[in-house]
Amino acid sequence: MGKIVEKGKIQGLIDPDLDTHTAAYTLIAFHDGILLQWQRSRDLLEGPVFVKTFRHLLFKDLGVKGGGSPVVLRASRGRRHEGGEQNA
């Protein structure tokens, strides 16, 4: 996820002043929260509509240039890289 944040900074999609590590974990938390809410509210929410609304809010209403998803998020959680730190 950190690599995705760095790529977004280079592309001008993410504020370069944000801490990459913290931004990566924040995005993971945001995503996990969406999944948790959907699980808790399945009787009230339609999955495809919920995902479409999430993407719209995140990528259009919150100001990602050009709208739409700028990158495909394919993070492998829990992998360790040099230095023993855990990847976000």
PDB file of N, CA and C in Angstrom:
ATOM      1  N   MET A   1       0.830  -1.192   0.000  1.00  0.00           N
ATOM      2  CA  MET A   1       0.000   0.000   0.000  1.00  0.00           C
ATOM      3  C   MET A   1       0.872   1.252   0.000  1.00  0.00           C
ATOM      4  N   GLY A   2       2.005   1.176   0.692  1.00  0.00           N
ATOM      5  CA  GLY A   2       2.912   2.319   0.712  1.00  0.00           C
ATOM      6  C   GLY A   2       3.384   2.696  -0.676  1.00  0.00           C
ATOM      7  N   LYS A   3       3.618   1.694  -1.521  1.00  0.00           N
ATOM      8  CA  LYS A   3       4.046   1.959  -2.896  1.00  0.00           C
ATOM      9  C   LYS A   3       2.942   2.660  -3.680  1.00  0.00           C
ATOM     10  N   ILE A   4       1.719   2.292  -3.421  1.00  0.00           N
ATOM     11  CA  ILE A   4       0.585   2.932  -4.086  1.00  0.00           C
ATOM     12  C   ILE A   4       0.489   4.395  -3.661  1.00  0.00           C
ATOM     13  N   VAL A   5       0.669   4.659  -2.366  1.00  0.00           N
ATOM     14  CA  VAL A   5       0.640   6.043  -1.876  1.00  0.00           C
ATOM     15  C   VAL A   5       1.767   6.843  -2.518  1.00  0.00           C
ATOM     16  N   GLU A   6       2.964   6.273  -2.584  1.00  0.00           N
ATOM     17  CA  GLU A   6       4.098   6.963  -3.207  1.00  0.00           C
ATOM     18  C   GLU A   6       3.809   7.269  -4.672  1.00  0.00           C
ATOM     19  N   LYS A   7       3.227   6.300  -5.386  1.00  0.00           N
ATOM     20  CA  LYS A   7       2.883   6.516  -6.789  1.00  0.00           C
ATOM     21  C   LYS A   7       1.859   7.647  -6.913  1.00  0.00           C
ATOM     22  N   GLY A   8       0.889   7.663  -6.016  1.00  0.00           N
ATOM     23  CA  GLY A   8      -0.092   8.749  -6.016  1.00  0.00           C
ATOM     24  C   GLY A   8       0.524  10.106  -5.757  1.00  0.00           C
ATOM     25  N   LYS A   9       1.541  10.151  -4.911  1.00  0.00           N
ATOM     26  CA  LYS A   9       2.255  11.408  -4.661  1.00  0.00           C
ATOM     27  C   LYS A   9       2.965  11.880  -5.922  1.00  0.00           C
ATOM     28  N   ILE A  10       3.628  10.954  -6.608  1.00  0.00           N
ATOM     29  CA  ILE A  10       4.355  11.292  -7.832  1.00  0.00           C
ATOM     30  C   ILE A  10       3.393  11.793  -8.906  1.00  0.00           C
ATOM     31  N   GLN A  11       2.224  11.170  -8.988  1.00  0.00           N
ATOM     32  CA  GLN A  11       1.225  11.547  -9.988  1.00  0.00           C
ATOM     33  C   GLN A  11       0.448  12.804  -9.602  1.00  0.00           C
ATOM     34  N   GLY A  12       0.687  13.319  -8.400  1.00  0.00           N
ATOM     35  CA  GLY A  12      -0.027  14.508  -7.957  1.00  0.00           C
ATOM     36  C   GLY A  12      -1.430  14.222  -7.454  1.00  0.00           C
ATOM     37  N   LEU A  13      -1.730  12.962  -7.158  1.00  0.00           N
ATOM     38  CA  LEU A  13      -3.058  12.581  -6.678  1.00  0.00           C
ATOM     39  C   LEU A  13      -3.154  12.579  -5.165  1.00  0.00           C
ATOM     40  N   ILE A  14      -2.008  12.498  -4.500  1.00  0.00           N
ATOM     41  CA  ILE A  14      -1.954  12.483  -3.041  1.00  0.00           C
ATOM     42  C   ILE A  14      -0.979  13.556  -2.601  1.00  0.00           C
ATOM     43  N   ASP A  15      -1.343  14.282  -1.575  1.00  0.00           N
ATOM     44  CA  ASP A  15      -0.514  15.362  -1.041  1.00  0.00           C
ATOM     45  C   ASP A  15       0.871  14.831  -0.679  1.00  0.00           C
ATOM     46  N   PRO A  16       1.916  15.382  -1.277  1.00  0.00           N
ATOM     47  CA  PRO A  16       3.273  14.886  -1.011  1.00  0.00           C
ATOM     48  C   PRO A  16       3.745  15.136   0.420  1.00  0.00           C
ATOM     49  N   ASP A  17       3.067  16.003   1.149  1.00  0.00           N
ATOM     50  CA  ASP A  17       3.454  16.289   2.527  1.00  0.00           C
ATOM     51  C   ASP A  17       2.938  15.239   3.514  1.00  0.00           C
ATOM     52  N   LEU A  18       2.015  14.372   3.070  1.00  0.00           N
ATOM     53  CA  LEU A  18       1.503  13.335   3.967  1.00  0.00           C
ATOM     54  C   LEU A  18       2.561  12.265   4.197  1.00  0.00           C
ATOM     55  N   ASP A  19       2.592  11.749   5.400  1.00  0.00           N
ATOM     56  CA  ASP A  19       3.473  10.639   5.723  1.00  0.00           C
ATOM     57  C   ASP A  19       2.956   9.391   5.011  1.00  0.00           C
ATOM     58  N   THR A  20       3.811   8.771   4.218  1.00  0.00           N
ATOM     59  CA  THR A  20       3.409   7.624   3.409  1.00  0.00           C
ATOM     60  C   THR A  20       2.889   6.472   4.265  1.00  0.00           C
ATOM     61  N   HIS A  21       3.605   6.127   5.312  1.00  0.00           N
ATOM     62  CA  HIS A  21       3.240   5.014   6.178  1.00  0.00           C
ATOM     63  C   HIS A  21       1.857   5.243   6.808  1.00  0.00           C
ATOM     64  N   THR A  22       1.654   6.430   7.349  1.00  0.00           N
ATOM     65  CA  THR A  22       0.382   6.756   7.988  1.00  0.00           C
ATOM     66  C   THR A  22      -0.750   6.799   6.968  1.00  0.00           C
ATOM     67  N   ALA A  23      -0.486   7.358   5.799  1.00  0.00           N
ATOM     68  CA  ALA A  23      -1.507   7.421   4.750  1.00  0.00           C
ATOM     69  C   ALA A  23      -1.921   6.020   4.309  1.00  0.00           C
ATOM     70  N   ALA A  24      -0.944   5.123   4.176  1.00  0.00           N
ATOM     71  CA  ALA A  24      -1.244   3.747   3.769  1.00  0.00           C
ATOM     72  C   ALA A  24      -2.146   3.063   4.795  1.00  0.00           C
ATOM     73  N   TYR A  25      -1.801   3.176   6.060  1.00  0.00           N
ATOM     74  CA  TYR A  25      -2.626   2.548   7.096  1.00  0.00           C
ATOM     75  C   TYR A  25      -3.993   3.207   7.209  1.00  0.00           C
ATOM     76  N   THR A  26      -4.081   4.500   6.932  1.00  0.00           N
ATOM     77  CA  THR A  26      -5.364   5.190   6.962  1.00  0.00           C
ATOM     78  C   THR A  26      -6.265   4.663   5.848  1.00  0.00           C
ATOM     79  N   LEU A  27      -5.711   4.459   4.659  1.00  0.00           N
ATOM     80  CA  LEU A  27      -6.496   3.916   3.554  1.00  0.00           C
ATOM     81  C   LEU A  27      -6.969   2.496   3.864  1.00  0.00           C
ATOM     82  N   ILE A  28      -6.099   1.692   4.472  1.00  0.00           N
ATOM     83  CA  ILE A  28      -6.492   0.337   4.863  1.00  0.00           C
ATOM     84  C   ILE A  28      -7.632   0.390   5.881  1.00  0.00           C
ATOM     85  N   ALA A  29      -7.530   1.280   6.853  1.00  0.00           N
ATOM     86  CA  ALA A  29      -8.572   1.413   7.874  1.00  0.00           C
ATOM     87  C   ALA A  29      -9.899   1.871   7.257  1.00  0.00           C
ATOM     88  N   PHE A  30      -9.814   2.786   6.317  1.00  0.00           N
ATOM     89  CA  PHE A  30     -11.001   3.283   5.631  1.00  0.00           C
ATOM     90  C   PHE A  30     -11.688   2.123   4.899  1.00  0.00           C
ATOM     91  N   HIS A  31     -10.920   1.368   4.163  1.00  0.00           N
ATOM     92  CA  HIS A  31     -11.445   0.226   3.424  1.00  0.00           C
ATOM     93  C   HIS A  31     -12.035  -0.823   4.367  1.00  0.00           C
ATOM     94  N   ASP A  32     -11.294  -1.158   5.423  1.00  0.00           N
ATOM     95  CA  ASP A  32     -11.776  -2.161   6.383  1.00  0.00           C
ATOM     96  C   ASP A  32     -13.057  -1.709   7.068  1.00  0.00           C
ATOM     97  N   GLY A  33     -13.163  -0.429   7.340  1.00  0.00           N
ATOM     98  CA  GLY A  33     -14.380   0.108   7.950  1.00  0.00           C
ATOM     99  C   GLY A  33     -15.580  -0.024   7.036  1.00  0.00           C
ATOM    100  N   ILE A  34     -15.357   0.199   5.748  1.00  0.00           N
ATOM    101  CA  ILE A  34     -16.435   0.029   4.769  1.00  0.00           C
ATOM    102  C   ILE A  34     -16.906  -1.425   4.762  1.00  0.00           C
ATOM    103  N   LEU A  35     -15.947  -2.364   4.741  1.00  0.00           N
ATOM    104  CA  LEU A  35     -16.313  -3.783   4.750  1.00  0.00           C
ATOM    105  C   LEU A  35     -17.056  -4.168   6.027  1.00  0.00           C
ATOM    106  N   LEU A  36     -16.605  -3.649   7.156  1.00  0.00           N
ATOM    107  CA  LEU A  36     -17.264  -3.944   8.426  1.00  0.00           C
ATOM    108  C   LEU A  36     -18.694  -3.409   8.435  1.00  0.00           C
ATOM    109  N   GLN A  37     -18.870  -2.194   7.949  1.00  0.00           N
ATOM    110  CA  GLN A  37     -20.215  -1.607   7.923  1.00  0.00           C
ATOM    111  C   GLN A  37     -21.144  -2.412   7.021  1.00  0.00           C
ATOM    112  N   TRP A  38     -20.619  -2.847   5.885  1.00  0.00           N
ATOM    113  CA  TRP A  38     -21.434  -3.652   4.980  1.00  0.00           C
ATOM    114  C   TRP A  38     -21.830  -4.963   5.653  1.00  0.00           C
ATOM    115  N   GLN A  39     -20.895  -5.584   6.349  1.00  0.00           N
ATOM    116  CA  GLN A  39     -21.191  -6.842   7.034  1.00  0.00           C
ATOM    117  C   GLN A  39     -22.273  -6.644   8.091  1.00  0.00           C
ATOM    118  N   ARG A  40     -22.183  -5.556   8.821  1.00  0.00           N
ATOM    119  CA  ARG A  40     -23.145  -5.292   9.893  1.00  0.00           C
ATOM    120  C   ARG A  40     -24.514  -4.876   9.369  1.00  0.00           C
ATOM    121  N   SER A  41     -24.555  -4.336   8.152  1.00  0.00           N
ATOM    122  CA  SER A  41     -25.800  -3.745   7.646  1.00  0.00           C
ATOM    123  C   SER A  41     -26.278  -4.401   6.357  1.00  0.00           C
ATOM    124  N   ARG A  42     -25.990  -5.655   6.162  1.00  0.00           N
ATOM    125  CA  ARG A  42     -26.361  -6.336   4.906  1.00  0.00           C
ATOM    126  C   ARG A  42     -27.853  -6.264   4.624  1.00  0.00           C
ATOM    127  N   ASP A  43     -28.656  -6.233   5.663  1.00  0.00           N
ATOM    128  CA  ASP A  43     -30.100  -6.164   5.461  1.00  0.00           C
ATOM    129  C   ASP A  43     -30.538  -4.796   4.955  1.00  0.00           C
ATOM    130  N   LEU A  44     -29.713  -3.789   5.167  1.00  0.00           N
ATOM    131  CA  LEU A  44     -30.065  -2.422   4.796  1.00  0.00           C
ATOM    132  C   LEU A  44     -29.357  -1.924   3.544  1.00  0.00           C
ATOM    133  N   LEU A  45     -28.282  -2.602   3.135  1.00  0.00           N
ATOM    134  CA  LEU A  45     -27.457  -2.116   2.030  1.00  0.00           C
ATOM    135  C   LEU A  45     -27.358  -3.140   0.915  1.00  0.00           C
ATOM    136  N   GLU A  46     -27.379  -2.653  -0.321  1.00  0.00           N
ATOM    137  CA  GLU A  46     -27.118  -3.500  -1.477  1.00  0.00           C
ATOM    138  C   GLU A  46     -25.636  -3.361  -1.800  1.00  0.00           C
ATOM    139  N   GLY A  47     -24.914  -4.481  -1.819  1.00  0.00           N
ATOM    140  CA  GLY A  47     -23.469  -4.469  -2.014  1.00  0.00           C
ATOM    141  C   GLY A  47     -22.984  -3.627  -3.175  1.00  0.00           C
ATOM    142  N   PRO A  48     -23.457  -3.869  -4.403  1.00  0.00           N
ATOM    143  CA  PRO A  48     -22.959  -3.091  -5.545  1.00  0.00           C
ATOM    144  C   PRO A  48     -23.227  -1.587  -5.416  1.00  0.00           C
ATOM    145  N   VAL A  49     -24.384  -1.227  -4.878  1.00  0.00           N
ATOM    146  CA  VAL A  49     -24.714   0.196  -4.694  1.00  0.00           C
ATOM    147  C   VAL A  49     -23.811   0.803  -3.615  1.00  0.00           C
ATOM    148  N   PHE A  50     -23.553   0.052  -2.558  1.00  0.00           N
ATOM    149  CA  PHE A  50     -22.692   0.521  -1.470  1.00  0.00           C
ATOM    150  C   PHE A  50     -21.274   0.773  -1.987  1.00  0.00           C
ATOM    151  N   VAL A  51     -20.743  -0.170  -2.767  1.00  0.00           N
ATOM    152  CA  VAL A  51     -19.392  -0.026  -3.320  1.00  0.00           C
ATOM    153  C   VAL A  51     -19.333   1.151  -4.291  1.00  0.00           C
ATOM    154  N   LYS A  52     -20.340   1.276  -5.143  1.00  0.00           N
ATOM    155  CA  LYS A  52     -20.384   2.391  -6.101  1.00  0.00           C
ATOM    156  C   LYS A  52     -20.410   3.735  -5.373  1.00  0.00           C
ATOM    157  N   THR A  53     -21.196   3.816  -4.314  1.00  0.00           N
ATOM    158  CA  THR A  53     -21.282   5.052  -3.530  1.00  0.00           C
ATOM    159  C   THR A  53     -19.963   5.348  -2.836  1.00  0.00           C
ATOM    160  N   PHE A  54     -19.331   4.322  -2.265  1.00  0.00           N
ATOM    161  CA  PHE A  54     -18.014   4.475  -1.628  1.00  0.00           C
ATOM    162  C   PHE A  54     -17.006   5.034  -2.623  1.00  0.00           C
ATOM    163  N   ARG A  55     -16.925   4.425  -3.800  1.00  0.00           N
ATOM    164  CA  ARG A  55     -15.973   4.890  -4.813  1.00  0.00           C
ATOM    165  C   ARG A  55     -16.279   6.304  -5.264  1.00  0.00           C
ATOM    166  N   HIS A  56     -17.558   6.605  -5.437  1.00  0.00           N
ATOM    167  CA  HIS A  56     -17.935   7.952  -5.861  1.00  0.00           C
ATOM    168  C   HIS A  56     -17.498   8.994  -4.829  1.00  0.00           C
ATOM    169  N   LEU A  57     -17.808   8.725  -3.569  1.00  0.00           N
ATOM    170  CA  LEU A  57     -17.427   9.658  -2.515  1.00  0.00           C
ATOM    171  C   LEU A  57     -15.913   9.817  -2.424  1.00  0.00           C
ATOM    172  N   LEU A  58     -15.203   8.700  -2.459  1.00  0.00           N
ATOM    173  CA  LEU A  58     -13.755   8.738  -2.297  1.00  0.00           C
ATOM    174  C   LEU A  58     -13.063   9.387  -3.482  1.00  0.00           C
ATOM    175  N   PHE A  59     -13.418   8.993  -4.692  1.00  0.00           N
ATOM    176  CA  PHE A  59     -12.657   9.411  -5.855  1.00  0.00           C
ATOM    177  C   PHE A  59     -13.197  10.635  -6.573  1.00  0.00           C
ATOM    178  N   LYS A  60     -14.462  10.956  -6.395  1.00  0.00           N
ATOM    179  CA  LYS A  60     -15.006  12.135  -7.064  1.00  0.00           C
ATOM    180  C   LYS A  60     -15.266  13.268  -6.074  1.00  0.00           C
ATOM    181  N   ASP A  61     -16.073  12.995  -5.062  1.00  0.00           N
ATOM    182  CA  ASP A  61     -16.474  14.037  -4.141  1.00  0.00           C
ATOM    183  C   ASP A  61     -15.352  14.509  -3.226  1.00  0.00           C
ATOM    184  N   LEU A  62     -14.364  13.655  -2.970  1.00  0.00           N
ATOM    185  CA  LEU A  62     -13.260  14.060  -2.104  1.00  0.00           C
ATOM    186  C   LEU A  62     -12.068  14.604  -2.880  1.00  0.00           C
ATOM    187  N   GLY A  63     -12.219  14.771  -4.183  1.00  0.00           N
ATOM    188  CA  GLY A  63     -11.263  15.557  -4.932  1.00  0.00           C
ATOM    189  C   GLY A  63     -10.137  14.853  -5.656  1.00  0.00           C
ATOM    190  N   VAL A  64     -10.228  13.561  -5.946  1.00  0.00           N
ATOM    191  CA  VAL A  64      -9.189  12.953  -6.767  1.00  0.00           C
ATOM    192  C   VAL A  64      -9.334  13.513  -8.167  1.00  0.00           C
ATOM    193  N   LYS A  65      -8.248  14.035  -8.717  1.00  0.00           N
ATOM    194  CA  LYS A  65      -8.276  14.662 -10.032  1.00  0.00           C
ATOM    195  C   LYS A  65      -8.773  13.676 -11.075  1.00  0.00           C
ATOM    196  N   GLY A  66      -9.699  14.127 -11.901  1.00  0.00           N
ATOM    197  CA  GLY A  66     -10.187  13.306 -12.993  1.00  0.00           C
ATOM    198  C   GLY A  66     -11.268  12.310 -12.603  1.00  0.00           C
ATOM    199  N   GLY A  67     -11.572  12.188 -11.309  1.00  0.00           N
ATOM    200  CA  GLY A  67     -12.568  11.222 -10.874  1.00  0.00           C
ATOM    201  C   GLY A  67     -12.124   9.798 -11.174  1.00  0.00           C
ATOM    202  N   GLY A  68     -12.896   8.848 -10.755  1.00  0.00           N
ATOM    203  CA  GLY A  68     -12.541   7.453 -11.000  1.00  0.00           C
ATOM    204  C   GLY A  68     -11.351   7.017 -10.183  1.00  0.00           C
ATOM    205  N   SER A  69     -11.135   5.751 -10.121  1.00  0.00           N
ATOM    206  CA  SER A  69     -10.049   5.196  -9.330  1.00  0.00           C
ATOM    207  C   SER A  69      -8.715   5.394 -10.039  1.00  0.00           C
ATOM    208  N   PRO A  70      -7.739   6.048  -9.407  1.00  0.00           N
ATOM    209  CA  PRO A  70      -6.463   6.298 -10.069  1.00  0.00           C
ATOM    210  C   PRO A  70      -5.572   5.070 -10.153  1.00  0.00           C
ATOM    211  N   VAL A  71      -5.716   4.144  -9.246  1.00  0.00           N
ATOM    212  CA  VAL A  71      -4.887   2.940  -9.240  1.00  0.00           C
ATOM    213  C   VAL A  71      -5.716   1.769  -8.758  1.00  0.00           C
ATOM    214  N   VAL A  72      -5.317   0.590  -9.124  1.00  0.00           N
ATOM    215  CA  VAL A  72      -5.954  -0.617  -8.609  1.00  0.00           C
ATOM    216  C   VAL A  72      -5.224  -0.997  -7.336  1.00  0.00           C
ATOM    217  N   LEU A  73      -5.960  -1.138  -6.262  1.00  0.00           N
ATOM    218  CA  LEU A  73      -5.350  -1.448  -4.979  1.00  0.00           C
ATOM    219  C   LEU A  73      -5.190  -2.948  -4.831  1.00  0.00           C
ATOM    220  N   ARG A  74      -3.953  -3.399  -4.856  1.00  0.00           N
ATOM    221  CA  ARG A  74      -3.661  -4.818  -4.683  1.00  0.00           C
ATOM    222  C   ARG A  74      -2.562  -4.963  -3.652  1.00  0.00           C
ATOM    223  N   ALA A  75      -2.865  -4.639  -2.443  1.00  0.00           N
ATOM    224  CA  ALA A  75      -1.880  -4.719  -1.366  1.00  0.00           C
ATOM    225  C   ALA A  75      -1.876  -6.120  -0.780  1.00  0.00           C
ATOM    226  N   SER A  76      -0.683  -6.616  -0.490  1.00  0.00           N
ATOM    227  CA  SER A  76      -0.598  -7.889   0.223  1.00  0.00           C
ATOM    228  C   SER A  76      -0.224  -7.567   1.650  1.00  0.00           C
ATOM    229  N   ARG A  77      -1.190  -7.725   2.516  1.00  0.00           N
ATOM    230  CA  ARG A  77      -0.989  -7.350   3.905  1.00  0.00           C
ATOM    231  C   ARG A  77      -0.161  -8.379   4.640  1.00  0.00           C
ATOM    232  N   GLY A  78       0.612  -7.894   5.600  1.00  0.00           N
ATOM    233  CA  GLY A  78       1.340  -8.774   6.475  1.00  0.00           C
ATOM    234  C   GLY A  78       2.709  -9.163   5.973  1.00  0.00           C
ATOM    235  N   ARG A  79       3.058  -8.799   4.754  1.00  0.00           N
ATOM    236  CA  ARG A  79       4.392  -9.117   4.271  1.00  0.00           C
ATOM    237  C   ARG A  79       5.400  -8.198   4.928  1.00  0.00           C
ATOM    238  N   ARG A  80       6.545  -8.722   5.192  1.00  0.00           N
ATOM    239  CA  ARG A  80       7.597  -7.907   5.780  1.00  0.00           C
ATOM    240  C   ARG A  80       8.618  -7.567   4.712  1.00  0.00           C
ATOM    241  N   HIS A  81       9.170  -6.345   4.823  1.00  0.00           N
ATOM    242  CA  HIS A  81      10.223  -5.961   3.900  1.00  0.00           C
ATOM    243  C   HIS A  81      11.478  -5.634   4.695  1.00  0.00           C
ATOM    244  N   GLU A  82      12.531  -5.250   4.013  1.00  0.00           N
ATOM    245  CA  GLU A  82      13.808  -4.996   4.677  1.00  0.00           C
ATOM    246  C   GLU A  82      13.628  -4.088   5.884  1.00  0.00           C
ATOM    247  N   GLY A  83      14.376  -4.357   6.916  1.00  0.00           N
ATOM    248  CA  GLY A  83      14.300  -3.573   8.131  1.00  0.00           C
ATOM    249  C   GLY A  83      13.307  -4.139   9.133  1.00  0.00           C
ATOM    250  N   GLY A  84      12.593  -5.194   8.730  1.00  0.00           N
ATOM    251  CA  GLY A  84      11.666  -5.835   9.659  1.00  0.00           C
ATOM    252  C   GLY A  84      10.345  -5.121   9.838  1.00  0.00           C
ATOM    253  N   GLU A  85      10.147  -3.986   9.160  1.00  0.00           N
ATOM    254  CA  GLU A  85       8.884  -3.273   9.299  1.00  0.00           C
ATOM    255  C   GLU A  85       7.825  -3.989   8.474  1.00  0.00           C
ATOM    256  N   GLN A  86       6.611  -3.909   8.935  1.00  0.00           N
ATOM    257  CA  GLN A  86       5.529  -4.573   8.236  1.00  0.00           C
ATOM    258  C   GLN A  86       4.965  -3.649   7.178  1.00  0.00           C
ATOM    259  N   ASN A  87       4.712  -4.186   5.987  1.00  0.00           N
ATOM    260  CA  ASN A  87       4.104  -3.412   4.909  1.00  0.00           C
ATOM    261  C   ASN A  87       2.700  -3.026   5.282  1.00  0.00           C
ATOM    262  N   ALA A  88       2.328  -1.832   4.901  1.00  0.00           N
ATOM    263  CA  ALA A  88       0.937  -1.396   5.083  1.00  0.00           C
ATOM    264  C   ALA A  88       0.140  -1.847   3.907  1.00  0.00           C
TER     265      ALA A  88
END
